[in-house]
Amino acid sequence: MRPWITNARMYAVTPEVEALWRGLLEHIAADAGVALDYVPHPAPQPLEELWSRGDLGAVFMCGYPIALRLAPVTPIAAPIPHVDWAAHRAVYRSECSCADTRSRSGSRR
């Protein structure tokens, strides 16, 4: 059987940040006594390809594909937001912010 893989692509916004996440994943694997091989999956490759791999051991993944059952994964850890609406549960929620495009003079088009 081939080894399990790991990847930090979801939050690897720069090569430097990826190196930090990779180091964390390697530390976690070593601490758990689990062999994981880091496999790069750089953009623009689709994240869905990474998340649907049969040899997926550990990746950073947002809750959206899990909530919609788009990726055949079993979450083993999830952050619990420290806000009232989460009610001490690991729940997925997105919030979007939009720029105010109205004129500063108060006129609207």
PDB file of N, CA and C in Angstrom:
ATOM      1  N   MET A   1       0.841  -1.182   0.000  1.00  0.00           N
ATOM      2  CA  MET A   1       0.000   0.000   0.000  1.00  0.00           C
ATOM      3  C   MET A   1       0.883   1.241   0.000  1.00  0.00           C
ATOM      4  N   ARG A   2       0.517   2.210  -0.779  1.00  0.00           N
ATOM      5  CA  ARG A   2       1.296   3.437  -0.794  1.00  0.00           C
ATOM      6  C   ARG A   2       1.005   4.257   0.468  1.00  0.00           C
ATOM      7  N   PRO A   3       1.922   5.143   0.821  1.00  0.00           N
ATOM      8  CA  PRO A   3       1.728   5.917   2.056  1.00  0.00           C
ATOM      9  C   PRO A   3       0.609   6.949   1.916  1.00  0.00           C
ATOM     10  N   TRP A   4       0.118   7.386   3.046  1.00  0.00           N
ATOM     11  CA  TRP A   4      -0.880   8.438   3.083  1.00  0.00           C
ATOM     12  C   TRP A   4      -0.214   9.763   2.742  1.00  0.00           C
ATOM     13  N   ILE A   5      -0.969  10.666   2.139  1.00  0.00           N
ATOM     14  CA  ILE A   5      -0.405  11.968   1.781  1.00  0.00           C
ATOM     15  C   ILE A   5      -0.994  13.063   2.669  1.00  0.00           C
ATOM     16  N   THR A   6      -0.297  14.180   2.664  1.00  0.00           N
ATOM     17  CA  THR A   6      -0.760  15.362   3.377  1.00  0.00           C
ATOM     18  C   THR A   6      -0.517  16.579   2.499  1.00  0.00           C
ATOM     19  N   ASN A   7      -1.284  17.647   2.744  1.00  0.00           N
ATOM     20  CA  ASN A   7      -1.147  18.849   1.937  1.00  0.00           C
ATOM     21  C   ASN A   7      -1.803  20.022   2.661  1.00  0.00           C
ATOM     22  N   ALA A   8      -1.256  21.220   2.438  1.00  0.00           N
ATOM     23  CA  ALA A   8      -1.770  22.430   3.084  1.00  0.00           C
ATOM     24  C   ALA A   8      -2.318  23.439   2.077  1.00  0.00           C
ATOM     25  N   ARG A   9      -2.631  23.020   0.889  1.00  0.00           N
ATOM     26  CA  ARG A   9      -2.993  23.926  -0.198  1.00  0.00           C
ATOM     27  C   ARG A   9      -4.113  24.901   0.153  1.00  0.00           C
ATOM     28  N   MET A  10      -5.104  24.482   0.891  1.00  0.00           N
ATOM     29  CA  MET A  10      -6.254  25.345   1.178  1.00  0.00           C
ATOM     30  C   MET A  10      -5.823  26.677   1.766  1.00  0.00           C
ATOM     31  N   TYR A  11      -4.799  26.656   2.606  1.00  0.00           N
ATOM     32  CA  TYR A  11      -4.359  27.882   3.274  1.00  0.00           C
ATOM     33  C   TYR A  11      -2.931  28.268   2.921  1.00  0.00           C
ATOM     34  N   ALA A  12      -2.356  27.645   1.919  1.00  0.00           N
ATOM     35  CA  ALA A  12      -0.983  27.940   1.505  1.00  0.00           C
ATOM     36  C   ALA A  12      -0.985  29.082   0.499  1.00  0.00           C
ATOM     37  N   VAL A  13      -1.131  30.288   1.000  1.00  0.00           N
ATOM     38  CA  VAL A  13      -1.298  31.442   0.121  1.00  0.00           C
ATOM     39  C   VAL A  13      -0.004  31.912  -0.533  1.00  0.00           C
ATOM     40  N   THR A  14       1.119  31.540   0.029  1.00  0.00           N
ATOM     41  CA  THR A  14       2.430  31.840  -0.555  1.00  0.00           C
ATOM     42  C   THR A  14       3.332  30.644  -0.277  1.00  0.00           C
ATOM     43  N   PRO A  15       4.438  30.515  -0.991  1.00  0.00           N
ATOM     44  CA  PRO A  15       5.372  29.416  -0.692  1.00  0.00           C
ATOM     45  C   PRO A  15       5.869  29.448   0.758  1.00  0.00           C
ATOM     46  N   GLU A  16       6.068  30.642   1.295  1.00  0.00           N
ATOM     47  CA  GLU A  16       6.537  30.759   2.683  1.00  0.00           C
ATOM     48  C   GLU A  16       5.489  30.255   3.672  1.00  0.00           C
ATOM     49  N   VAL A  17       4.238  30.600   3.421  1.00  0.00           N
ATOM     50  CA  VAL A  17       3.156  30.138   4.284  1.00  0.00           C
ATOM     51  C   VAL A  17       2.981  28.623   4.140  1.00  0.00           C
ATOM     52  N   GLU A  18       3.102  28.124   2.918  1.00  0.00           N
ATOM     53  CA  GLU A  18       2.999  26.674   2.712  1.00  0.00           C
ATOM     54  C   GLU A  18       4.065  25.938   3.508  1.00  0.00           C
ATOM     55  N   ALA A  19       5.270  26.491   3.549  1.00  0.00           N
ATOM     56  CA  ALA A  19       6.350  25.854   4.317  1.00  0.00           C
ATOM     57  C   ALA A  19       6.001  25.778   5.803  1.00  0.00           C
ATOM     58  N   LEU A  20       5.366  26.809   6.322  1.00  0.00           N
ATOM     59  CA  LEU A  20       4.953  26.792   7.732  1.00  0.00           C
ATOM     60  C   LEU A  20       3.880  25.734   7.980  1.00  0.00           C
ATOM     61  N   TRP A  21       2.862  25.697   7.125  1.00  0.00           N
ATOM     62  CA  TRP A  21       1.800  24.693   7.268  1.00  0.00           C
ATOM     63  C   TRP A  21       2.361  23.283   7.097  1.00  0.00           C
ATOM     64  N   ARG A  22       3.267  23.126   6.136  1.00  0.00           N
ATOM     65  CA  ARG A  22       3.878  21.810   5.919  1.00  0.00           C
ATOM     66  C   ARG A  22       4.624  21.363   7.172  1.00  0.00           C
ATOM     67  N   GLY A  23       5.367  22.284   7.765  1.00  0.00           N
ATOM     68  CA  GLY A  23       6.070  21.966   9.005  1.00  0.00           C
ATOM     69  C   GLY A  23       5.134  21.543  10.116  1.00  0.00           C
ATOM     70  N   LEU A  24       3.995  22.227  10.229  1.00  0.00           N
ATOM     71  CA  LEU A  24       3.010  21.860  11.243  1.00  0.00           C
ATOM     72  C   LEU A  24       2.456  20.467  10.977  1.00  0.00           C
ATOM     73  N   LEU A  25       2.092  20.185   9.726  1.00  0.00           N
ATOM     74  CA  LEU A  25       1.570  18.854   9.387  1.00  0.00           C
ATOM     75  C   LEU A  25       2.605  17.765   9.644  1.00  0.00           C
ATOM     76  N   GLU A  26       3.866  18.028   9.325  1.00  0.00           N
ATOM     77  CA  GLU A  26       4.926  17.049   9.581  1.00  0.00           C
ATOM     78  C   GLU A  26       5.105  16.826  11.079  1.00  0.00           C
ATOM     79  N   HIS A  27       5.006  17.877  11.868  1.00  0.00           N
ATOM     80  CA  HIS A  27       5.110  17.750  13.326  1.00  0.00           C
ATOM     81  C   HIS A  27       3.951  16.919  13.887  1.00  0.00           C
ATOM     82  N   ILE A  28       2.742  17.200  13.403  1.00  0.00           N
ATOM     83  CA  ILE A  28       1.568  16.455  13.859  1.00  0.00           C
ATOM     84  C   ILE A  28       1.701  14.975  13.508  1.00  0.00           C
ATOM     85  N   ALA A  29       2.134  14.680  12.287  1.00  0.00           N
ATOM     86  CA  ALA A  29       2.302  13.290  11.861  1.00  0.00           C
ATOM     87  C   ALA A  29       3.350  12.584  12.714  1.00  0.00           C
ATOM     88  N   ALA A  30       4.470  13.256  12.962  1.00  0.00           N
ATOM     89  CA  ALA A  30       5.525  12.652  13.785  1.00  0.00           C
ATOM     90  C   ALA A  30       5.033  12.417  15.207  1.00  0.00           C
ATOM     91  N   ASP A  31       4.322  13.389  15.758  1.00  0.00           N
ATOM     92  CA  ASP A  31       3.803  13.259  17.123  1.00  0.00           C
ATOM     93  C   ASP A  31       2.789  12.129  17.226  1.00  0.00           C
ATOM     94  N   ALA A  32       2.015  11.924  16.156  1.00  0.00           N
ATOM     95  CA  ALA A  32       1.010  10.858  16.141  1.00  0.00           C
ATOM     96  C   ALA A  32       1.599   9.507  15.756  1.00  0.00           C
ATOM     97  N   GLY A  33       2.843   9.509  15.269  1.00  0.00           N
ATOM     98  CA  GLY A  33       3.455   8.260  14.835  1.00  0.00           C
ATOM     99  C   GLY A  33       2.861   7.729  13.546  1.00  0.00           C
ATOM    100  N   VAL A  34       2.421   8.633  12.682  1.00  0.00           N
ATOM    101  CA  VAL A  34       1.790   8.261  11.419  1.00  0.00           C
ATOM    102  C   VAL A  34       2.665   8.751  10.269  1.00  0.00           C
ATOM    103  N   ALA A  35       2.957   7.876   9.327  1.00  0.00           N
ATOM    104  CA  ALA A  35       3.760   8.267   8.166  1.00  0.00           C
ATOM    105  C   ALA A  35       2.877   8.977   7.150  1.00  0.00           C
ATOM    106  N   LEU A  36       3.204  10.223   6.864  1.00  0.00           N
ATOM    107  CA  LEU A  36       2.487  11.008   5.865  1.00  0.00           C
ATOM    108  C   LEU A  36       3.504  11.648   4.939  1.00  0.00           C
ATOM    109  N   ASP A  37       3.282  11.548   3.636  1.00  0.00           N
ATOM    110  CA  ASP A  37       4.148  12.189   2.650  1.00  0.00           C
ATOM    111  C   ASP A  37       3.486  13.464   2.169  1.00  0.00           C
ATOM    112  N   TYR A  38       4.214  14.577   2.256  1.00  0.00           N
ATOM    113  CA  TYR A  38       3.681  15.840   1.761  1.00  0.00           C
ATOM    114  C   TYR A  38       3.747  15.834   0.241  1.00  0.00           C
ATOM    115  N   VAL A  39       2.604  16.036  -0.402  1.00  0.00           N
ATOM    116  CA  VAL A  39       2.522  16.059  -1.853  1.00  0.00           C
ATOM    117  C   VAL A  39       2.039  17.442  -2.277  1.00  0.00           C
ATOM    118  N   PRO A  40       2.856  18.193  -3.022  1.00  0.00           N
ATOM    119  CA  PRO A  40       2.410  19.510  -3.481  1.00  0.00           C
ATOM    120  C   PRO A  40       1.210  19.396  -4.421  1.00  0.00           C
ATOM    121  N   HIS A  41       0.343  20.365  -4.357  1.00  0.00           N
ATOM    122  CA  HIS A  41      -0.825  20.441  -5.239  1.00  0.00           C
ATOM    123  C   HIS A  41      -1.068  21.921  -5.528  1.00  0.00           C
ATOM    124  N   PRO A  42      -0.150  22.553  -6.282  1.00  0.00           N
ATOM    125  CA  PRO A  42      -0.222  24.003  -6.468  1.00  0.00           C
ATOM    126  C   PRO A  42      -1.390  24.444  -7.343  1.00  0.00           C
ATOM    127  N   ALA A  43      -1.803  25.686  -7.115  1.00  0.00           N
ATOM    128  CA  ALA A  43      -2.799  26.301  -7.985  1.00  0.00           C
ATOM    129  C   ALA A  43      -2.190  26.402  -9.377  1.00  0.00           C
ATOM    130  N   PRO A  44      -2.976  26.292 -10.405  1.00  0.00           N
ATOM    131  CA  PRO A  44      -4.441  26.311 -10.435  1.00  0.00           C
ATOM    132  C   PRO A  44      -5.085  24.929 -10.419  1.00  0.00           C
ATOM    133  N   GLN A  45      -4.381  23.901  -9.985  1.00  0.00           N
ATOM    134  CA  GLN A  45      -5.003  22.580  -9.924  1.00  0.00           C
ATOM    135  C   GLN A  45      -6.224  22.638  -9.000  1.00  0.00           C
ATOM    136  N   PRO A  46      -7.315  22.015  -9.386  1.00  0.00           N
ATOM    137  CA  PRO A  46      -8.532  22.076  -8.565  1.00  0.00           C
ATOM    138  C   PRO A  46      -8.349  21.387  -7.215  1.00  0.00           C
ATOM    139  N   LEU A  47      -8.836  22.028  -6.176  1.00  0.00           N
ATOM    140  CA  LEU A  47      -8.787  21.426  -4.843  1.00  0.00           C
ATOM    141  C   LEU A  47      -9.586  20.133  -4.785  1.00  0.00           C
ATOM    142  N   GLU A  48     -10.641  20.045  -5.588  1.00  0.00           N
ATOM    143  CA  GLU A  48     -11.464  18.833  -5.590  1.00  0.00           C
ATOM    144  C   GLU A  48     -10.641  17.605  -5.947  1.00  0.00           C
ATOM    145  N   GLU A  49      -9.647  17.767  -6.839  1.00  0.00           N
ATOM    146  CA  GLU A  49      -8.765  16.642  -7.191  1.00  0.00           C
ATOM    147  C   GLU A  49      -7.992  16.172  -5.972  1.00  0.00           C
ATOM    148  N   LEU A  50      -7.493  17.103  -5.196  1.00  0.00           N
ATOM    149  CA  LEU A  50      -6.746  16.760  -3.985  1.00  0.00           C
ATOM    150  C   LEU A  50      -7.660  16.089  -2.971  1.00  0.00           C
ATOM    151  N   TRP A  51      -8.804  16.687  -2.711  1.00  0.00           N
ATOM    152  CA  TRP A  51      -9.702  16.203  -1.675  1.00  0.00           C
ATOM    153  C   TRP A  51     -10.346  14.870  -1.998  1.00  0.00           C
ATOM    154  N   SER A  52     -10.353  14.465  -3.261  1.00  0.00           N
ATOM    155  CA  SER A  52     -10.992  13.198  -3.610  1.00  0.00           C
ATOM    156  C   SER A  52      -9.995  12.049  -3.743  1.00  0.00           C
ATOM    157  N   ARG A  53      -8.736  12.293  -3.445  1.00  0.00           N
ATOM    158  CA  ARG A  53      -7.715  11.235  -3.538  1.00  0.00           C
ATOM    159  C   ARG A  53      -7.992  10.123  -2.525  1.00  0.00           C
ATOM    160  N   GLY A  54      -7.781   8.903  -2.936  1.00  0.00           N
ATOM    161  CA  GLY A  54      -7.979   7.758  -2.054  1.00  0.00           C
ATOM    162  C   GLY A  54      -6.888   7.594  -1.010  1.00  0.00           C
ATOM    163  N   ASP A  55      -5.750   8.251  -1.203  1.00  0.00           N
ATOM    164  CA  ASP A  55      -4.642   8.125  -0.253  1.00  0.00           C
ATOM    165  C   ASP A  55      -4.499   9.362   0.626  1.00  0.00           C
ATOM    166  N   LEU A  56      -5.569  10.125   0.746  1.00  0.00           N
ATOM    167  CA  LEU A  56      -5.549  11.350   1.524  1.00  0.00           C
ATOM    168  C   LEU A  56      -5.456  11.031   3.013  1.00  0.00           C
ATOM    169  N   GLY A  57      -4.397  11.532   3.628  1.00  0.00           N
ATOM    170  CA  GLY A  57      -4.212  11.294   5.060  1.00  0.00           C
ATOM    171  C   GLY A  57      -4.607  12.487   5.896  1.00  0.00           C
ATOM    172  N   ALA A  58      -4.102  13.675   5.532  1.00  0.00           N
ATOM    173  CA  ALA A  58      -4.416  14.883   6.287  1.00  0.00           C
ATOM    174  C   ALA A  58      -4.246  16.101   5.386  1.00  0.00           C
ATOM    175  N   VAL A  59      -5.268  16.912   5.336  1.00  0.00           N
ATOM    176  CA  VAL A  59      -5.207  18.168   4.594  1.00  0.00           C
ATOM    177  C   VAL A  59      -5.968  19.224   5.377  1.00  0.00           C
ATOM    178  N   PHE A  60      -5.656  20.458   5.055  1.00  0.00           N
ATOM    179  CA  PHE A  60      -6.481  21.553   5.548  1.00  0.00           C
ATOM    180  C   PHE A  60      -7.604  21.724   4.542  1.00  0.00           C
ATOM    181  N   MET A  61      -8.812  21.793   5.053  1.00  0.00           N
ATOM    182  CA  MET A  61      -9.976  21.839   4.182  1.00  0.00           C
ATOM    183  C   MET A  61     -11.048  22.682   4.872  1.00  0.00           C
ATOM    184  N   CYS A  62     -11.708  23.527   4.118  1.00  0.00           N
ATOM    185  CA  CYS A  62     -12.809  24.270   4.712  1.00  0.00           C
ATOM    186  C   CYS A  62     -14.026  23.349   4.824  1.00  0.00           C
ATOM    187  N   GLY A  63     -15.024  23.808   5.535  1.00  0.00           N
ATOM    188  CA  GLY A  63     -16.198  22.976   5.757  1.00  0.00           C
ATOM    189  C   GLY A  63     -17.171  22.890   4.603  1.00  0.00           C
ATOM    190  N   TYR A  64     -17.027  23.785   3.618  1.00  0.00           N
ATOM    191  CA  TYR A  64     -17.995  23.823   2.513  1.00  0.00           C
ATOM    192  C   TYR A  64     -18.117  22.492   1.769  1.00  0.00           C
ATOM    193  N   PRO A  65     -17.014  21.890   1.282  1.00  0.00           N
ATOM    194  CA  PRO A  65     -17.173  20.621   0.564  1.00  0.00           C
ATOM    195  C   PRO A  65     -17.634  19.480   1.467  1.00  0.00           C
ATOM    196  N   ILE A  66     -17.346  19.584   2.744  1.00  0.00           N
ATOM    197  CA  ILE A  66     -17.815  18.555   3.681  1.00  0.00           C
ATOM    198  C   ILE A  66     -19.319  18.708   3.888  1.00  0.00           C
ATOM    199  N   ALA A  67     -19.749  19.947   4.115  1.00  0.00           N
ATOM    200  CA  ALA A  67     -21.172  20.205   4.345  1.00  0.00           C
ATOM    201  C   ALA A  67     -22.026  19.794   3.153  1.00  0.00           C
ATOM    202  N   LEU A  68     -21.503  19.992   1.952  1.00  0.00           N
ATOM    203  CA  LEU A  68     -22.255  19.635   0.746  1.00  0.00           C
ATOM    204  C   LEU A  68     -21.953  18.224   0.254  1.00  0.00           C
ATOM    205  N   ARG A  69     -21.128  17.501   0.985  1.00  0.00           N
ATOM    206  CA  ARG A  69     -20.734  16.135   0.634  1.00  0.00           C
ATOM    207  C   ARG A  69     -20.094  16.067  -0.747  1.00  0.00           C
ATOM    208  N   LEU A  70     -19.245  17.066  -1.048  1.00  0.00           N
ATOM    209  CA  LEU A  70     -18.542  17.110  -2.332  1.00  0.00           C
ATOM    210  C   LEU A  70     -17.227  16.345  -2.289  1.00  0.00           C
ATOM    211  N   ALA A  71     -16.755  16.022  -1.110  1.00  0.00           N
ATOM    212  CA  ALA A  71     -15.490  15.315  -0.968  1.00  0.00           C
ATOM    213  C   ALA A  71     -15.701  14.118  -0.044  1.00  0.00           C
ATOM    214  N   PRO A  72     -15.247  12.942  -0.459  1.00  0.00           N
ATOM    215  CA  PRO A  72     -15.448  11.739   0.353  1.00  0.00           C
ATOM    216  C   PRO A  72     -14.425  11.654   1.488  1.00  0.00           C
ATOM    217  N   VAL A  73     -14.554  12.556   2.461  1.00  0.00           N
ATOM    218  CA  VAL A  73     -13.611  12.593   3.578  1.00  0.00           C
ATOM    219  C   VAL A  73     -14.346  12.421   4.897  1.00  0.00           C
ATOM    220  N   THR A  74     -13.605  12.030   5.900  1.00  0.00           N
ATOM    221  CA  THR A  74     -14.112  11.954   7.259  1.00  0.00           C
ATOM    222  C   THR A  74     -13.329  12.941   8.097  1.00  0.00           C
ATOM    223  N   PRO A  75     -13.950  14.031   8.508  1.00  0.00           N
ATOM    224  CA  PRO A  75     -13.213  14.992   9.321  1.00  0.00           C
ATOM    225  C   PRO A  75     -12.818  14.376  10.661  1.00  0.00           C
ATOM    226  N   ILE A  76     -11.591  14.631  11.079  1.00  0.00           N
ATOM    227  CA  ILE A  76     -11.140  14.130  12.381  1.00  0.00           C
ATOM    228  C   ILE A  76     -10.914  15.260  13.371  1.00  0.00           C
ATOM    229  N   ALA A  77     -10.869  16.478  12.880  1.00  0.00           N
ATOM    230  CA  ALA A  77     -10.734  17.638  13.752  1.00  0.00           C
ATOM    231  C   ALA A  77     -11.353  18.831  13.044  1.00  0.00           C
ATOM    232  N   ALA A  78     -11.981  19.669  13.823  1.00  0.00           N
ATOM    233  CA  ALA A  78     -12.577  20.881  13.270  1.00  0.00           C
ATOM    234  C   ALA A  78     -12.533  21.960  14.337  1.00  0.00           C
ATOM    235  N   PRO A  79     -12.259  23.184  13.928  1.00  0.00           N
ATOM    236  CA  PRO A  79     -12.235  24.261  14.917  1.00  0.00           C
ATOM    237  C   PRO A  79     -13.635  24.565  15.422  1.00  0.00           C
ATOM    238  N   ILE A  80     -13.707  24.951  16.670  1.00  0.00           N
ATOM    239  CA  ILE A  80     -14.963  25.382  17.266  1.00  0.00           C
ATOM    240  C   ILE A  80     -14.876  26.894  17.440  1.00  0.00           C
ATOM    241  N   PRO A  81     -15.659  27.637  16.667  1.00  0.00           N
ATOM    242  CA  PRO A  81     -15.601  29.097  16.773  1.00  0.00           C
ATOM    243  C   PRO A  81     -15.973  29.566  18.179  1.00  0.00           C
ATOM    244  N   HIS A  82     -15.269  30.548  18.671  1.00  0.00           N
ATOM    245  CA  HIS A  82     -15.524  31.097  20.003  1.00  0.00           C
ATOM    246  C   HIS A  82     -16.486  32.284  19.888  1.00  0.00           C
ATOM    247  N   VAL A  83     -17.682  31.988  19.402  1.00  0.00           N
ATOM    248  CA  VAL A  83     -18.732  32.994  19.247  1.00  0.00           C
ATOM    249  C   VAL A  83     -20.052  32.365  19.678  1.00  0.00           C
ATOM    250  N   ASP A  84     -20.970  33.205  20.098  1.00  0.00           N
ATOM    251  CA  ASP A  84     -22.250  32.697  20.610  1.00  0.00           C
ATOM    252  C   ASP A  84     -23.015  31.850  19.606  1.00  0.00           C
ATOM    253  N   TRP A  85     -23.033  32.273  18.319  1.00  0.00           N
ATOM    254  CA  TRP A  85     -23.850  31.547  17.346  1.00  0.00           C
ATOM    255  C   TRP A  85     -23.377  30.112  17.126  1.00  0.00           C
ATOM    256  N   ALA A  86     -22.137  29.793  17.469  1.00  0.00           N
ATOM    257  CA  ALA A  86     -21.627  28.428  17.280  1.00  0.00           C
ATOM    258  C   ALA A  86     -22.112  27.476  18.375  1.00  0.00           C
ATOM    259  N   ALA A  87     -22.514  28.016  19.512  1.00  0.00           N
ATOM    260  CA  ALA A  87     -23.032  27.204  20.621  1.00  0.00           C
ATOM    261  C   ALA A  87     -22.097  26.049  20.982  1.00  0.00           C
ATOM    262  N   HIS A  88     -20.779  26.335  21.003  1.00  0.00           N
ATOM    263  CA  HIS A  88     -19.759  25.339  21.375  1.00  0.00           C
ATOM    264  C   HIS A  88     -19.736  24.132  20.438  1.00  0.00           C
ATOM    265  N   ARG A  89     -20.091  24.346  19.158  1.00  0.00           N
ATOM    266  CA  ARG A  89     -20.084  23.279  18.159  1.00  0.00           C
ATOM    267  C   ARG A  89     -19.138  23.651  17.025  1.00  0.00           C
ATOM    268  N   ALA A  90     -18.613  22.645  16.338  1.00  0.00           N
ATOM    269  CA  ALA A  90     -17.806  22.866  15.135  1.00  0.00           C
ATOM    270  C   ALA A  90     -18.780  23.018  13.972  1.00  0.00           C
ATOM    271  N   VAL A  91     -19.110  24.247  13.641  1.00  0.00           N
ATOM    272  CA  VAL A  91     -20.077  24.510  12.586  1.00  0.00           C
ATOM    273  C   VAL A  91     -19.425  25.336  11.492  1.00  0.00           C
ATOM    274  N   TYR A  92     -19.936  25.182  10.278  1.00  0.00           N
ATOM    275  CA  TYR A  92     -19.394  25.903   9.128  1.00  0.00           C
ATOM    276  C   TYR A  92     -20.265  27.107   8.830  1.00  0.00           C
ATOM    277  N   ARG A  93     -19.616  28.228   8.579  1.00  0.00           N
ATOM    278  CA  ARG A  93     -20.350  29.443   8.231  1.00  0.00           C
ATOM    279  C   ARG A  93     -19.425  30.358   7.448  1.00  0.00           C
ATOM    280  N   SER A  94     -19.946  30.975   6.422  1.00  0.00           N
ATOM    281  CA  SER A  94     -19.180  31.950   5.640  1.00  0.00           C
ATOM    282  C   SER A  94     -19.807  33.319   5.818  1.00  0.00           C
ATOM    283  N   GLU A  95     -18.964  34.307   5.880  1.00  0.00           N
ATOM    284  CA  GLU A  95     -19.435  35.678   5.908  1.00  0.00           C
ATOM    285  C   GLU A  95     -18.716  36.425   4.805  1.00  0.00           C
ATOM    286  N   CYS A  96     -19.430  37.264   4.114  1.00  0.00           N
ATOM    287  CA  CYS A  96     -18.843  38.028   3.016  1.00  0.00           C
ATOM    288  C   CYS A  96     -18.930  39.512   3.335  1.00  0.00           C
ATOM    289  N   SER A  97     -17.903  40.215   2.959  1.00  0.00           N
ATOM    290  CA  SER A  97     -17.879  41.665   3.103  1.00  0.00           C
ATOM    291  C   SER A  97     -17.793  42.272   1.716  1.00  0.00           C
ATOM    292  N   CYS A  98     -18.488  43.364   1.529  1.00  0.00           N
ATOM    293  CA  CYS A  98     -18.463  44.052   0.238  1.00  0.00           C
ATOM    294  C   CYS A  98     -18.046  45.500   0.454  1.00  0.00           C
ATOM    295  N   ALA A  99     -17.323  46.006  -0.492  1.00  0.00           N
ATOM    296  CA  ALA A  99     -16.907  47.406  -0.431  1.00  0.00           C
ATOM    297  C   ALA A  99     -18.099  48.308  -0.672  1.00  0.00           C
ATOM    298  N   ASP A 100     -18.104  49.442  -0.016  1.00  0.00           N
ATOM    299  CA  ASP A 100     -19.134  50.452  -0.236  1.00  0.00           C
ATOM    300  C   ASP A 100     -18.740  51.237  -1.467  1.00  0.00           C
ATOM    301  N   THR A 101     -19.494  51.080  -2.533  1.00  0.00           N
ATOM    302  CA  THR A 101     -19.144  51.743  -3.799  1.00  0.00           C
ATOM    303  C   THR A 101     -19.895  53.044  -4.001  1.00  0.00           C
ATOM    304  N   ARG A 102     -20.631  53.479  -2.984  1.00  0.00           N
ATOM    305  CA  ARG A 102     -21.352  54.747  -3.090  1.00  0.00           C
ATOM    306  C   ARG A 102     -20.364  55.904  -3.031  1.00  0.00           C
ATOM    307  N   SER A 103     -20.726  56.961  -3.650  1.00  0.00           N
ATOM    308  CA  SER A 103     -19.902  58.170  -3.654  1.00  0.00           C
ATOM    309  C   SER A 103     -19.817  58.739  -2.249  1.00  0.00           C
ATOM    310  N   ARG A 104     -18.684  59.267  -1.896  1.00  0.00           N
ATOM    311  CA  ARG A 104     -18.501  59.876  -0.578  1.00  0.00           C
ATOM    312  C   ARG A 104     -19.346  61.145  -0.413  1.00  0.00           C
ATOM    313  N   SER A 105     -19.744  61.776  -1.503  1.00  0.00           N
ATOM    314  CA  SER A 105     -20.547  63.004  -1.412  1.00  0.00           C
ATOM    315  C   SER A 105     -21.996  62.720  -1.045  1.00  0.00           C
ATOM    316  N   GLY A 106     -22.356  61.466  -1.001  1.00  0.00           N
ATOM    317  CA  GLY A 106     -23.710  61.103  -0.606  1.00  0.00           C
ATOM    318  C   GLY A 106     -24.644  60.843  -1.779  1.00  0.00           C
ATOM    319  N   SER A 107     -24.218  61.192  -2.988  1.00  0.00           N
ATOM    320  CA  SER A 107     -25.088  60.933  -4.142  1.00  0.00           C
ATOM    321  C   SER A 107     -24.969  59.476  -4.542  1.00  0.00           C
ATOM    322  N   ARG A 108     -26.061  58.934  -4.988  1.00  0.00           N
ATOM    323  CA  ARG A 108     -26.071  57.533  -5.429  1.00  0.00           C
ATOM    324  C   ARG A 108     -26.480  57.486  -6.882  1.00  0.00           C
ATOM    325  N   ARG A 109     -25.925  56.533  -7.572  1.00  0.00           N
ATOM    326  CA  ARG A 109     -26.270  56.388  -8.989  1.00  0.00           C
ATOM    327  C   ARG A 109     -27.104  55.176  -9.204  1.00  0.00           C
TER     328      ARG A 109
END
